[in-house]
Amino acid sequence: MAKFSAFMKRPIARIGLGLLLLLILGGAAGGIYLTQTVPEQPIAFPHSVHVSLGAPCLYCHPGATWGPTAGLPSTSKCWGCHQQFPATGPELTKLADYVKNDQEIPWVPVTMLGDFVHFNHRPHVAAGIACETCHGNVADPNIKPGQLKAPYVQNMGWCLTCHKAMRPDQFAHLSDCSLCHY
């Protein structure tokens, strides 16, 4: 302990320790910022318009019924409906360009989880849990196109609170760590 104390009295050691702490705090702040900000999308997609026209979530995100990820709509899925309308407006023009160039739309996922978490949409959809329960009211016309974000900080505490409230009789199973961390 005496050697460490003597070492820490040296200015270079204190500067190095200060830089290390600054680097760790900066990385943590950057990580939190990046996971809580809405990423820019290649097309400003108006969820509220599509929901108001009667498009169900699972039409564009069918993966939620059979697997871990909901999936992002393909260019052909979007064009299947939009080919019936003239490409007016900058966003529909972008879609038409993706189709013309035979390219997939490079959607950016909004909700990201750490590699140590394995979330699966399938059991939630099978249990009849509405998409809005976790993803909020995407039909809200006040949400600007392309600015949709998760309305909650989706973390382990949030999930466990929901599991306990919705299925108190199965909470022992639904709170098992290996359910999501494997």
Foldseek 3Di string as FASTA:
>chain_A
DVVVVVVCVDPVNVVVVVVVVVVVVVVVVVVVVVQAAQDFFPAQAQLLVCVVVPDALCLQQVQLQPWAGSDGHWLCSVCVPCVVDPQPDDRSVSSVVCVVVVHTGPGDDQHDDDPQWRGHSNVVVVVVPGPCVFQNDSSPNVQGGSRGHTPDDDDPVVQLVVCCVPCVVCSVVVNPPVVTGD
